N, C-alpha and C. Protein backbone atom coordinates (compact mmCIF):
# COMPACT_ATOMS: atom_id res chain seq x y z
N MET A 1 0.84 -1.18 0.00
CA MET A 1 0.00 0.00 0.00
C MET A 1 0.89 1.24 0.00
N ILE A 2 0.63 2.13 -0.94
CA ILE A 2 1.44 3.33 -1.07
C ILE A 2 0.73 4.50 -0.40
N THR A 3 1.45 5.12 0.47
CA THR A 3 0.88 6.30 1.16
C THR A 3 1.67 7.53 0.77
N SER A 4 0.96 8.64 0.67
CA SER A 4 1.61 9.89 0.30
C SER A 4 2.48 10.41 1.44
N ALA A 5 3.55 11.02 1.05
CA ALA A 5 4.45 11.57 2.07
C ALA A 5 3.74 12.68 2.85
N ARG A 6 3.93 12.65 4.11
CA ARG A 6 3.27 13.63 4.97
C ARG A 6 4.09 14.93 4.99
N ALA A 7 3.38 16.03 4.76
CA ALA A 7 4.08 17.32 4.74
C ALA A 7 4.60 17.64 6.13
N PRO A 8 5.80 18.16 6.20
CA PRO A 8 6.35 18.52 7.52
C PRO A 8 5.49 19.59 8.19
N SER A 9 5.31 19.40 9.47
CA SER A 9 4.48 20.36 10.21
C SER A 9 5.23 21.68 10.39
N ARG A 10 4.48 22.76 10.33
CA ARG A 10 5.06 24.09 10.49
C ARG A 10 4.32 24.83 11.59
N LEU A 11 5.08 25.59 12.34
CA LEU A 11 4.46 26.38 13.40
C LEU A 11 3.70 27.55 12.81
N HIS A 12 2.59 27.86 13.41
CA HIS A 12 1.82 29.02 12.97
C HIS A 12 2.65 30.28 13.21
N PRO A 13 2.59 31.24 12.26
CA PRO A 13 3.38 32.48 12.46
C PRO A 13 3.13 33.16 13.80
N ALA A 14 1.89 33.09 14.28
CA ALA A 14 1.60 33.72 15.57
C ALA A 14 2.38 33.05 16.69
N ILE A 15 2.52 31.71 16.61
CA ILE A 15 3.29 31.00 17.64
C ILE A 15 4.76 31.38 17.56
N VAL A 16 5.27 31.52 16.33
CA VAL A 16 6.66 31.92 16.15
C VAL A 16 6.90 33.30 16.77
N VAL A 17 5.97 34.22 16.50
CA VAL A 17 6.10 35.57 17.06
C VAL A 17 6.06 35.52 18.58
N ALA A 18 5.17 34.69 19.14
CA ALA A 18 5.06 34.59 20.59
C ALA A 18 6.34 34.04 21.20
N LEU A 19 6.91 33.03 20.56
CA LEU A 19 8.16 32.44 21.06
C LEU A 19 9.31 33.45 21.00
N ILE A 20 9.39 34.14 19.88
CA ILE A 20 10.45 35.15 19.76
C ILE A 20 10.25 36.25 20.80
N GLY A 21 8.98 36.64 20.99
CA GLY A 21 8.70 37.66 21.99
C GLY A 21 9.10 37.23 23.39
N LEU A 22 8.83 35.96 23.72
CA LEU A 22 9.21 35.46 25.04
C LEU A 22 10.73 35.44 25.21
N CYS A 23 11.44 35.06 24.15
CA CYS A 23 12.90 35.06 24.21
C CYS A 23 13.43 36.47 24.42
N ILE A 24 12.83 37.42 23.69
CA ILE A 24 13.26 38.81 23.85
C ILE A 24 12.96 39.30 25.25
N ALA A 25 11.79 38.93 25.76
CA ALA A 25 11.43 39.34 27.12
C ALA A 25 12.41 38.77 28.14
N LEU A 26 12.86 37.54 27.92
CA LEU A 26 13.83 36.93 28.82
C LEU A 26 15.16 37.68 28.78
N ILE A 27 15.57 38.05 27.56
CA ILE A 27 16.82 38.80 27.42
C ILE A 27 16.71 40.16 28.11
N ILE A 28 15.58 40.83 27.90
CA ILE A 28 15.37 42.14 28.54
C ILE A 28 15.38 42.00 30.06
N TRP A 29 14.76 40.94 30.55
CA TRP A 29 14.75 40.73 32.00
C TRP A 29 16.16 40.49 32.54
N LEU A 30 16.98 39.76 31.77
CA LEU A 30 18.34 39.46 32.22
C LEU A 30 19.21 40.71 32.26
N VAL A 31 18.98 41.63 31.31
CA VAL A 31 19.82 42.83 31.26
C VAL A 31 19.15 44.02 31.92
N SER A 32 18.04 43.78 32.63
CA SER A 32 17.30 44.89 33.21
C SER A 32 18.10 45.64 34.27
N HIS A 33 19.11 44.97 34.84
CA HIS A 33 19.94 45.65 35.84
C HIS A 33 20.89 46.65 35.18
N ALA A 34 21.21 46.43 33.91
CA ALA A 34 22.10 47.35 33.20
C ALA A 34 21.34 48.38 32.39
N VAL A 35 20.15 48.02 31.89
CA VAL A 35 19.33 48.93 31.08
C VAL A 35 18.07 49.27 31.86
N PRO A 36 17.74 50.56 32.01
CA PRO A 36 16.50 50.91 32.72
C PRO A 36 15.29 50.23 32.10
N LEU A 37 14.40 49.77 32.94
CA LEU A 37 13.21 49.05 32.45
C LEU A 37 12.39 49.92 31.52
N LYS A 38 12.39 51.24 31.74
CA LYS A 38 11.64 52.14 30.88
C LYS A 38 12.12 52.05 29.44
N LEU A 39 13.44 52.04 29.24
CA LEU A 39 13.99 51.94 27.89
C LEU A 39 13.86 50.52 27.34
N ALA A 40 14.11 49.53 28.20
CA ALA A 40 14.03 48.15 27.74
C ALA A 40 12.61 47.78 27.34
N GLY A 41 11.63 48.22 28.12
CA GLY A 41 10.24 47.93 27.79
C GLY A 41 9.81 48.57 26.49
N GLN A 42 10.27 49.79 26.26
CA GLN A 42 9.95 50.47 25.01
C GLN A 42 10.57 49.73 23.83
N ALA A 43 11.80 49.30 24.00
CA ALA A 43 12.46 48.55 22.94
C ALA A 43 11.72 47.25 22.64
N TYR A 44 11.23 46.61 23.68
CA TYR A 44 10.48 45.37 23.51
C TYR A 44 9.21 45.60 22.68
N LEU A 45 8.49 46.66 22.98
CA LEU A 45 7.26 46.95 22.23
C LEU A 45 7.58 47.29 20.77
N ILE A 46 8.65 48.02 20.55
CA ILE A 46 9.03 48.37 19.18
C ILE A 46 9.40 47.12 18.39
N ILE A 47 10.11 46.19 19.03
CA ILE A 47 10.48 44.94 18.36
C ILE A 47 9.24 44.13 18.00
N ILE A 48 8.24 44.11 18.88
CA ILE A 48 7.00 43.39 18.58
C ILE A 48 6.33 43.98 17.35
N ILE A 49 6.33 45.32 17.25
CA ILE A 49 5.73 45.97 16.08
C ILE A 49 6.49 45.60 14.81
N LEU A 50 7.82 45.62 14.90
CA LEU A 50 8.63 45.28 13.72
C LEU A 50 8.43 43.82 13.31
N LEU A 51 8.24 42.94 14.29
CA LEU A 51 8.01 41.53 13.95
C LEU A 51 6.70 41.34 13.18
N ALA A 52 5.76 42.24 13.41
CA ALA A 52 4.49 42.13 12.67
C ALA A 52 4.71 42.29 11.17
N PHE A 53 5.68 43.12 10.78
CA PHE A 53 5.97 43.29 9.36
C PHE A 53 6.58 42.03 8.75
N ARG A 54 7.09 41.13 9.58
CA ARG A 54 7.74 39.93 9.07
C ARG A 54 6.85 38.70 9.14
N TYR A 55 5.98 38.63 10.16
CA TYR A 55 5.25 37.39 10.38
C TYR A 55 3.73 37.53 10.31
N TRP A 56 3.19 38.73 10.32
CA TRP A 56 1.73 38.89 10.30
C TRP A 56 1.27 39.04 8.85
N PRO A 57 0.56 38.06 8.30
CA PRO A 57 0.19 38.08 6.87
C PRO A 57 -0.50 39.36 6.42
N PRO A 58 -1.51 39.91 7.13
CA PRO A 58 -2.12 41.16 6.64
C PRO A 58 -1.12 42.30 6.52
N MET A 59 -0.19 42.39 7.45
CA MET A 59 0.81 43.45 7.39
C MET A 59 1.76 43.22 6.21
N ILE A 60 2.11 41.96 5.99
CA ILE A 60 3.01 41.64 4.87
C ILE A 60 2.36 41.99 3.55
N ARG A 61 1.09 41.60 3.37
CA ARG A 61 0.39 41.89 2.12
C ARG A 61 0.28 43.39 1.90
N TRP A 62 0.03 44.13 2.97
CA TRP A 62 -0.11 45.59 2.86
C TRP A 62 1.19 46.24 2.41
N VAL A 63 2.30 45.80 3.01
CA VAL A 63 3.59 46.40 2.65
C VAL A 63 3.99 46.00 1.24
N VAL A 64 3.79 44.74 0.87
CA VAL A 64 4.17 44.27 -0.46
C VAL A 64 3.37 44.98 -1.54
N SER A 65 2.13 45.30 -1.26
CA SER A 65 1.29 45.97 -2.26
C SER A 65 1.68 47.42 -2.50
N MET A 66 2.48 47.99 -1.63
CA MET A 66 2.89 49.39 -1.77
C MET A 66 3.97 49.53 -2.83
N PRO A 67 3.94 50.59 -3.64
CA PRO A 67 5.05 50.84 -4.57
C PRO A 67 6.34 51.07 -3.79
N VAL A 68 7.45 50.80 -4.46
CA VAL A 68 8.75 50.91 -3.79
C VAL A 68 8.99 52.31 -3.20
N PRO A 69 8.71 53.40 -3.92
CA PRO A 69 8.92 54.73 -3.30
C PRO A 69 8.10 54.92 -2.04
N HIS A 70 6.87 54.38 -2.03
CA HIS A 70 6.04 54.50 -0.84
C HIS A 70 6.64 53.71 0.32
N ARG A 71 7.22 52.56 0.02
CA ARG A 71 7.87 51.77 1.09
C ARG A 71 9.04 52.54 1.68
N VAL A 72 9.80 53.21 0.82
CA VAL A 72 10.96 53.97 1.31
C VAL A 72 10.51 55.10 2.24
N VAL A 73 9.48 55.85 1.79
CA VAL A 73 8.98 56.94 2.62
C VAL A 73 8.42 56.40 3.92
N PHE A 74 7.67 55.31 3.84
CA PHE A 74 7.09 54.70 5.04
C PHE A 74 8.18 54.25 6.00
N GLY A 75 9.24 53.62 5.45
CA GLY A 75 10.34 53.16 6.29
C GLY A 75 11.07 54.30 6.97
N VAL A 76 11.27 55.42 6.23
CA VAL A 76 11.94 56.58 6.82
C VAL A 76 11.10 57.17 7.96
N LEU A 77 9.78 57.26 7.74
CA LEU A 77 8.91 57.80 8.79
C LEU A 77 8.93 56.92 10.03
N ILE A 78 8.81 55.60 9.83
CA ILE A 78 8.82 54.69 10.97
C ILE A 78 10.16 54.76 11.69
N GLY A 79 11.26 54.78 10.91
CA GLY A 79 12.58 54.87 11.53
C GLY A 79 12.77 56.15 12.31
N SER A 80 12.27 57.27 11.77
CA SER A 80 12.38 58.55 12.48
C SER A 80 11.58 58.53 13.77
N MET A 81 10.41 57.91 13.73
CA MET A 81 9.60 57.82 14.93
C MET A 81 10.29 56.99 16.01
N VAL A 82 10.91 55.89 15.60
CA VAL A 82 11.59 55.03 16.57
C VAL A 82 12.79 55.75 17.17
N LEU A 83 13.60 56.40 16.31
CA LEU A 83 14.76 57.13 16.82
C LEU A 83 14.34 58.32 17.68
N GLY A 84 13.29 59.02 17.24
CA GLY A 84 12.80 60.14 18.02
C GLY A 84 12.29 59.74 19.38
N HIS A 85 11.86 58.48 19.50
CA HIS A 85 11.34 58.00 20.76
C HIS A 85 12.42 58.00 21.85
N TYR A 86 13.67 57.94 21.43
CA TYR A 86 14.77 57.89 22.39
C TYR A 86 15.54 59.20 22.46
N THR A 87 15.00 60.26 21.89
CA THR A 87 15.65 61.56 22.01
C THR A 87 15.30 62.19 23.34
N LEU A 88 16.20 63.02 23.84
CA LEU A 88 15.98 63.71 25.11
C LEU A 88 15.60 65.16 24.90
N ASN A 89 15.85 65.68 23.71
CA ASN A 89 15.54 67.08 23.41
C ASN A 89 14.38 67.12 22.44
N GLY A 90 13.16 67.13 22.97
CA GLY A 90 11.98 67.07 22.12
C GLY A 90 11.80 68.29 21.25
N ARG A 91 12.21 69.47 21.74
CA ARG A 91 12.03 70.68 20.95
C ARG A 91 12.91 70.67 19.70
N THR A 92 14.06 70.03 19.77
CA THR A 92 14.97 70.00 18.62
C THR A 92 14.48 69.03 17.55
N TYR A 93 13.94 67.89 17.97
CA TYR A 93 13.58 66.84 17.02
C TYR A 93 12.08 66.72 16.78
N PHE A 94 11.29 67.72 17.24
CA PHE A 94 9.84 67.69 17.01
C PHE A 94 9.56 67.62 15.50
N PRO A 95 8.59 66.77 15.02
CA PRO A 95 7.61 66.01 15.80
C PRO A 95 8.04 64.61 16.18
N TYR A 96 9.32 64.27 15.99
CA TYR A 96 9.78 62.92 16.34
C TYR A 96 10.30 62.96 17.77
N VAL A 97 9.40 62.78 18.72
CA VAL A 97 9.73 62.91 20.13
C VAL A 97 9.32 61.64 20.86
N ALA A 98 9.68 61.58 22.14
CA ALA A 98 9.33 60.42 22.96
C ALA A 98 7.82 60.32 23.14
N TRP A 99 7.31 59.11 23.05
CA TRP A 99 5.87 58.88 23.23
C TRP A 99 5.64 58.60 24.72
N GLU A 100 5.45 59.62 25.48
CA GLU A 100 5.23 59.41 26.90
C GLU A 100 4.10 60.31 27.40
N ILE A 101 3.23 59.70 28.18
CA ILE A 101 2.13 60.43 28.80
C ILE A 101 2.19 60.11 30.29
N PHE A 102 2.33 61.15 31.11
CA PHE A 102 2.49 60.99 32.55
C PHE A 102 3.56 59.94 32.87
N PRO A 103 4.82 60.19 32.41
CA PRO A 103 5.87 59.18 32.59
C PRO A 103 6.34 59.01 34.02
N PHE A 104 6.03 59.95 34.89
CA PHE A 104 6.46 59.82 36.27
C PHE A 104 5.50 60.57 37.18
N ALA A 105 5.54 60.25 38.43
CA ALA A 105 4.67 60.88 39.43
C ALA A 105 5.50 61.82 40.29
N HIS A 106 4.96 63.00 40.54
CA HIS A 106 5.64 63.96 41.40
C HIS A 106 5.44 63.56 42.86
N GLU A 107 6.53 63.57 43.59
CA GLU A 107 6.47 63.20 44.99
C GLU A 107 6.43 64.43 45.91
N ASN A 108 6.49 65.62 45.31
CA ASN A 108 6.51 66.84 46.12
C ASN A 108 5.18 67.02 46.87
N ASP A 109 5.27 67.53 48.08
CA ASP A 109 4.09 67.84 48.87
C ASP A 109 4.38 69.14 49.61
N PRO A 110 3.71 70.24 49.30
CA PRO A 110 2.54 70.33 48.41
C PRO A 110 2.90 70.31 46.93
N VAL A 111 1.90 69.99 46.11
CA VAL A 111 2.04 70.05 44.66
C VAL A 111 1.76 71.48 44.21
N THR A 112 2.63 72.01 43.38
CA THR A 112 2.46 73.40 42.94
C THR A 112 2.36 73.49 41.43
N CYS A 113 1.70 74.50 40.96
CA CYS A 113 1.64 74.80 39.54
C CYS A 113 1.42 76.29 39.37
N ARG A 114 1.84 76.82 38.23
CA ARG A 114 1.69 78.23 37.96
C ARG A 114 0.58 78.45 36.93
N GLU A 115 -0.21 79.51 37.13
CA GLU A 115 -1.32 79.81 36.24
C GLU A 115 -1.38 81.31 35.99
N PHE A 116 -1.90 81.62 34.78
CA PHE A 116 -2.15 83.02 34.43
C PHE A 116 -3.62 83.33 34.73
N ILE A 117 -3.86 84.32 35.58
CA ILE A 117 -5.20 84.79 35.87
C ILE A 117 -5.30 86.22 35.36
N ALA A 118 -6.20 86.46 34.39
CA ALA A 118 -6.32 87.77 33.78
C ALA A 118 -7.50 88.53 34.37
N THR A 119 -7.36 89.85 34.37
CA THR A 119 -8.45 90.74 34.79
C THR A 119 -8.89 91.55 33.58
N THR A 120 -10.18 91.48 33.24
CA THR A 120 -10.69 92.18 32.06
C THR A 120 -11.04 93.62 32.42
N GLU A 121 -11.42 94.36 31.40
CA GLU A 121 -11.76 95.77 31.59
C GLU A 121 -12.93 95.96 32.54
N SER A 122 -13.86 94.99 32.55
CA SER A 122 -15.03 95.09 33.44
C SER A 122 -14.74 94.55 34.84
N GLY A 123 -13.53 94.02 35.06
CA GLY A 123 -13.18 93.49 36.37
C GLY A 123 -13.35 92.00 36.52
N ASN A 124 -13.78 91.30 35.47
CA ASN A 124 -13.93 89.85 35.55
C ASN A 124 -12.56 89.17 35.59
N LYS A 125 -12.50 88.03 36.29
CA LYS A 125 -11.30 87.23 36.36
C LYS A 125 -11.45 86.01 35.45
N VAL A 126 -10.46 85.77 34.60
CA VAL A 126 -10.49 84.64 33.68
C VAL A 126 -9.13 83.94 33.70
N ARG A 127 -9.17 82.63 33.54
CA ARG A 127 -7.93 81.86 33.43
C ARG A 127 -7.48 81.86 31.97
N LEU A 128 -6.22 82.11 31.74
CA LEU A 128 -5.66 82.05 30.40
C LEU A 128 -4.93 80.73 30.24
N LEU A 129 -5.55 79.81 29.52
CA LEU A 129 -5.01 78.47 29.34
C LEU A 129 -4.48 78.31 27.92
N VAL A 130 -3.28 77.81 27.80
CA VAL A 130 -2.66 77.65 26.49
C VAL A 130 -3.48 76.72 25.62
N GLU A 131 -3.95 75.59 26.18
CA GLU A 131 -4.67 74.60 25.37
C GLU A 131 -6.02 75.11 24.87
N GLN A 132 -6.57 76.15 25.51
CA GLN A 132 -7.83 76.72 25.05
C GLN A 132 -7.60 77.80 24.00
N LEU A 133 -6.63 78.65 24.22
CA LEU A 133 -6.38 79.75 23.29
C LEU A 133 -5.56 79.32 22.09
N PHE A 134 -4.78 78.27 22.24
CA PHE A 134 -3.98 77.72 21.14
C PHE A 134 -4.30 76.23 21.03
N PRO A 135 -5.45 75.87 20.42
CA PRO A 135 -5.87 74.45 20.40
C PRO A 135 -4.88 73.53 19.71
N SER A 136 -4.04 74.05 18.82
CA SER A 136 -3.10 73.18 18.12
C SER A 136 -1.98 72.70 19.03
N ILE A 137 -1.79 73.35 20.18
CA ILE A 137 -0.75 72.95 21.13
C ILE A 137 -1.40 71.99 22.12
N VAL A 138 -0.99 70.72 22.07
CA VAL A 138 -1.62 69.72 22.92
C VAL A 138 -0.85 69.52 24.22
N GLN A 139 0.36 70.03 24.30
CA GLN A 139 1.14 69.86 25.52
C GLN A 139 2.12 71.01 25.63
N ILE A 140 2.29 71.52 26.83
CA ILE A 140 3.22 72.60 27.08
C ILE A 140 3.94 72.31 28.39
N ASN A 141 5.21 72.71 28.44
CA ASN A 141 5.98 72.50 29.65
C ASN A 141 5.43 73.35 30.79
N PRO A 142 5.62 72.92 32.05
CA PRO A 142 5.17 73.73 33.18
C PRO A 142 5.78 75.13 33.13
N LEU A 143 5.02 76.11 33.59
CA LEU A 143 5.46 77.50 33.50
C LEU A 143 6.69 77.77 34.36
N ASP A 144 6.90 76.99 35.41
CA ASP A 144 8.05 77.25 36.26
C ASP A 144 9.36 76.87 35.60
N GLY A 145 9.29 76.29 34.40
CA GLY A 145 10.51 75.95 33.69
C GLY A 145 10.96 77.02 32.70
N TYR A 146 10.22 78.12 32.59
CA TYR A 146 10.55 79.19 31.65
C TYR A 146 11.28 80.33 32.34
N SER A 147 12.06 81.05 31.55
CA SER A 147 12.72 82.25 32.06
C SER A 147 11.69 83.36 32.23
N PRO A 148 12.00 84.40 33.02
CA PRO A 148 11.04 85.51 33.19
C PRO A 148 10.66 86.17 31.87
N GLU A 149 11.61 86.28 30.94
CA GLU A 149 11.31 86.91 29.65
C GLU A 149 10.33 86.07 28.85
N ILE A 150 10.55 84.78 28.79
CA ILE A 150 9.65 83.89 28.04
C ILE A 150 8.27 83.86 28.70
N THR A 151 8.23 83.86 30.02
CA THR A 151 6.94 83.85 30.73
C THR A 151 6.14 85.10 30.41
N GLU A 152 6.80 86.27 30.38
CA GLU A 152 6.09 87.51 30.06
C GLU A 152 5.60 87.50 28.62
N ARG A 153 6.41 87.01 27.70
CA ARG A 153 5.98 86.94 26.30
C ARG A 153 4.78 86.02 26.14
N LEU A 154 4.78 84.91 26.88
CA LEU A 154 3.64 83.99 26.82
C LEU A 154 2.39 84.65 27.38
N ALA A 155 2.52 85.37 28.48
CA ALA A 155 1.36 86.05 29.08
C ALA A 155 0.77 87.07 28.11
N ARG A 156 1.61 87.83 27.45
CA ARG A 156 1.12 88.83 26.51
C ARG A 156 0.52 88.18 25.26
N ALA A 157 1.09 87.06 24.83
CA ALA A 157 0.52 86.35 23.67
C ALA A 157 -0.86 85.79 23.99
N LEU A 158 -1.02 85.23 25.20
CA LEU A 158 -2.32 84.71 25.60
C LEU A 158 -3.35 85.83 25.70
N ALA A 159 -2.94 86.97 26.27
CA ALA A 159 -3.86 88.10 26.38
C ALA A 159 -4.26 88.62 25.01
N LYS A 160 -3.31 88.65 24.08
CA LYS A 160 -3.59 89.15 22.73
C LYS A 160 -4.62 88.27 22.02
N VAL A 161 -4.45 86.95 22.14
CA VAL A 161 -5.40 86.04 21.50
C VAL A 161 -6.77 86.13 22.18
N TYR A 162 -6.78 86.22 23.50
CA TYR A 162 -8.05 86.35 24.22
C TYR A 162 -8.78 87.62 23.79
N ASN A 163 -8.07 88.74 23.70
CA ASN A 163 -8.69 90.01 23.32
C ASN A 163 -9.23 89.97 21.90
N ALA A 164 -8.59 89.17 21.03
CA ALA A 164 -9.07 89.07 19.66
C ALA A 164 -10.46 88.46 19.59
N HIS A 165 -10.82 87.64 20.59
CA HIS A 165 -12.13 87.00 20.62
C HIS A 165 -13.09 87.65 21.62
N HIS A 166 -12.60 88.61 22.38
CA HIS A 166 -13.44 89.28 23.38
C HIS A 166 -13.17 90.78 23.33
N ALA A 167 -13.42 91.36 22.17
CA ALA A 167 -13.13 92.79 21.99
C ALA A 167 -13.97 93.67 22.90
N GLY A 168 -15.15 93.21 23.31
CA GLY A 168 -16.02 94.02 24.17
C GLY A 168 -15.57 94.08 25.61
N ASP A 169 -14.75 93.14 26.03
CA ASP A 169 -14.28 93.12 27.41
C ASP A 169 -12.85 92.57 27.43
N PRO A 170 -11.89 93.34 26.93
CA PRO A 170 -10.52 92.84 26.77
C PRO A 170 -9.78 92.74 28.10
N VAL A 171 -8.70 91.99 28.06
CA VAL A 171 -7.83 91.84 29.22
C VAL A 171 -6.99 93.09 29.40
N ARG A 172 -6.89 93.56 30.65
CA ARG A 172 -6.08 94.74 30.95
C ARG A 172 -4.85 94.41 31.79
N GLN A 173 -4.91 93.30 32.51
CA GLN A 173 -3.73 92.90 33.27
C GLN A 173 -3.75 91.38 33.42
N VAL A 174 -2.55 90.82 33.56
CA VAL A 174 -2.40 89.39 33.76
C VAL A 174 -1.52 89.17 34.98
N ASP A 175 -1.98 88.32 35.88
CA ASP A 175 -1.22 87.99 37.09
C ASP A 175 -0.76 86.54 37.02
N LEU A 176 0.48 86.33 37.37
CA LEU A 176 1.03 84.98 37.44
C LEU A 176 0.97 84.51 38.88
N PHE A 177 0.18 83.46 39.11
CA PHE A 177 0.01 82.91 40.45
C PHE A 177 0.67 81.53 40.53
N VAL A 178 1.11 81.17 41.71
CA VAL A 178 1.52 79.80 41.97
C VAL A 178 0.48 79.19 42.91
N MET A 179 -0.11 78.09 42.46
CA MET A 179 -1.12 77.37 43.24
C MET A 179 -0.44 76.22 43.96
N ALA A 180 -0.83 75.99 45.20
CA ALA A 180 -0.25 74.91 45.99
C ALA A 180 -1.37 74.11 46.64
N VAL A 181 -1.28 72.79 46.51
CA VAL A 181 -2.26 71.88 47.11
C VAL A 181 -1.50 70.85 47.94
N GLN A 182 -1.87 70.74 49.20
CA GLN A 182 -1.24 69.75 50.06
C GLN A 182 -1.86 68.38 49.82
N LEU A 183 -1.00 67.40 49.57
CA LEU A 183 -1.49 66.03 49.39
C LEU A 183 -1.85 65.38 50.72
N HIS A 184 -1.11 65.73 51.75
CA HIS A 184 -1.35 65.14 53.06
C HIS A 184 -1.44 66.25 54.11
N PRO A 185 -2.56 66.99 54.10
CA PRO A 185 -2.71 68.09 55.06
C PRO A 185 -2.98 67.56 56.47
N PRO A 186 -2.79 68.40 57.47
CA PRO A 186 -3.16 67.99 58.84
C PRO A 186 -4.65 67.64 58.92
N ALA A 187 -4.99 66.84 59.89
CA ALA A 187 -6.37 66.37 60.02
C ALA A 187 -7.35 67.53 60.17
N SER A 188 -6.90 68.63 60.75
CA SER A 188 -7.79 69.76 60.98
C SER A 188 -7.94 70.67 59.77
N GLU A 189 -7.20 70.40 58.70
CA GLU A 189 -7.24 71.25 57.52
C GLU A 189 -7.80 70.48 56.33
N SER A 190 -8.22 71.23 55.32
CA SER A 190 -8.76 70.64 54.10
C SER A 190 -7.87 71.01 52.93
N ARG A 191 -7.75 70.12 51.98
CA ARG A 191 -6.96 70.40 50.79
C ARG A 191 -7.85 70.71 49.58
N ALA A 192 -9.14 70.98 49.85
CA ALA A 192 -10.07 71.23 48.75
C ALA A 192 -9.71 72.52 48.01
N GLN A 193 -9.30 73.56 48.75
CA GLN A 193 -8.99 74.84 48.14
C GLN A 193 -7.47 75.04 48.13
N PRO A 194 -6.88 75.24 46.95
CA PRO A 194 -5.43 75.47 46.91
C PRO A 194 -5.10 76.87 47.39
N SER A 195 -3.89 77.02 47.91
CA SER A 195 -3.41 78.34 48.28
C SER A 195 -2.84 79.03 47.05
N CYS A 196 -2.94 80.35 47.02
CA CYS A 196 -2.48 81.13 45.87
C CYS A 196 -1.48 82.18 46.32
N GLU A 197 -0.44 82.36 45.54
CA GLU A 197 0.57 83.37 45.81
C GLU A 197 0.89 84.12 44.53
N LEU A 198 0.78 85.44 44.58
CA LEU A 198 1.07 86.26 43.40
C LEU A 198 2.57 86.34 43.20
N LEU A 199 3.01 85.99 41.98
CA LEU A 199 4.43 86.04 41.65
C LEU A 199 4.79 87.24 40.78
N LYS A 200 3.92 87.57 39.83
CA LYS A 200 4.25 88.64 38.88
C LYS A 200 2.99 89.25 38.34
N HIS A 201 3.06 90.55 38.08
CA HIS A 201 1.94 91.29 37.52
C HIS A 201 2.36 91.88 36.18
N TYR A 202 1.54 91.66 35.14
CA TYR A 202 1.83 92.19 33.80
C TYR A 202 0.72 93.17 33.41
N ASP A 203 1.10 94.39 33.14
CA ASP A 203 0.15 95.43 32.75
C ASP A 203 -0.01 95.38 31.23
N ILE A 204 -1.12 94.83 30.77
CA ILE A 204 -1.35 94.66 29.34
C ILE A 204 -1.79 95.95 28.70
N SER A 205 -2.56 96.77 29.39
CA SER A 205 -3.13 97.98 28.80
C SER A 205 -2.05 98.98 28.42
N SER A 206 -0.99 99.07 29.22
CA SER A 206 0.04 100.06 28.96
C SER A 206 1.11 99.56 28.02
N GLY A 207 1.12 98.23 27.77
CA GLY A 207 2.13 97.66 26.89
C GLY A 207 3.45 97.43 27.58
N ARG A 208 3.57 97.66 28.91
CA ARG A 208 4.81 97.44 29.61
C ARG A 208 4.95 95.97 30.01
């Protein structure tokens, strides 16, 4: 009786990717004492994404169907994003910057932040927020990291944009406050209301 030769068994690509991922995870764990886990974990995720281009059939078909010039541009963009992820100077390499959201927790107590509080011609108090007046800016460094000159320029720029939309009641002065909230106040005190301290006053009406 003649039987057909049995085709050699092959591992499913997903299993191959999982095995490679586990090996990489083991290597990262072994070198975690020399490489910070933050960087090692990011490298691990990037490698998993790159493996998809090699072993995931839908991704392979998508890349193969692209014209060669499109593949080159796509590869340059992906490479720039990966390299930018490990840059420390985001302003220099923008938009190829680190992908981090709330990367660390502040341990300071009280927690402080600086805010611009404007006074309009009618006496109303309004907060001048960068993300509201400049919607295209999704993230800005804390104000305490700027020099006094840059802080004043930012205050005047915010007031100028606000006045452009509120000509009937424009801003006449901007005050820079530092807000402080105690994370662990005494039992007899409440942390519901932050304390405020005036740091700087900017006279918008006079142009000084």
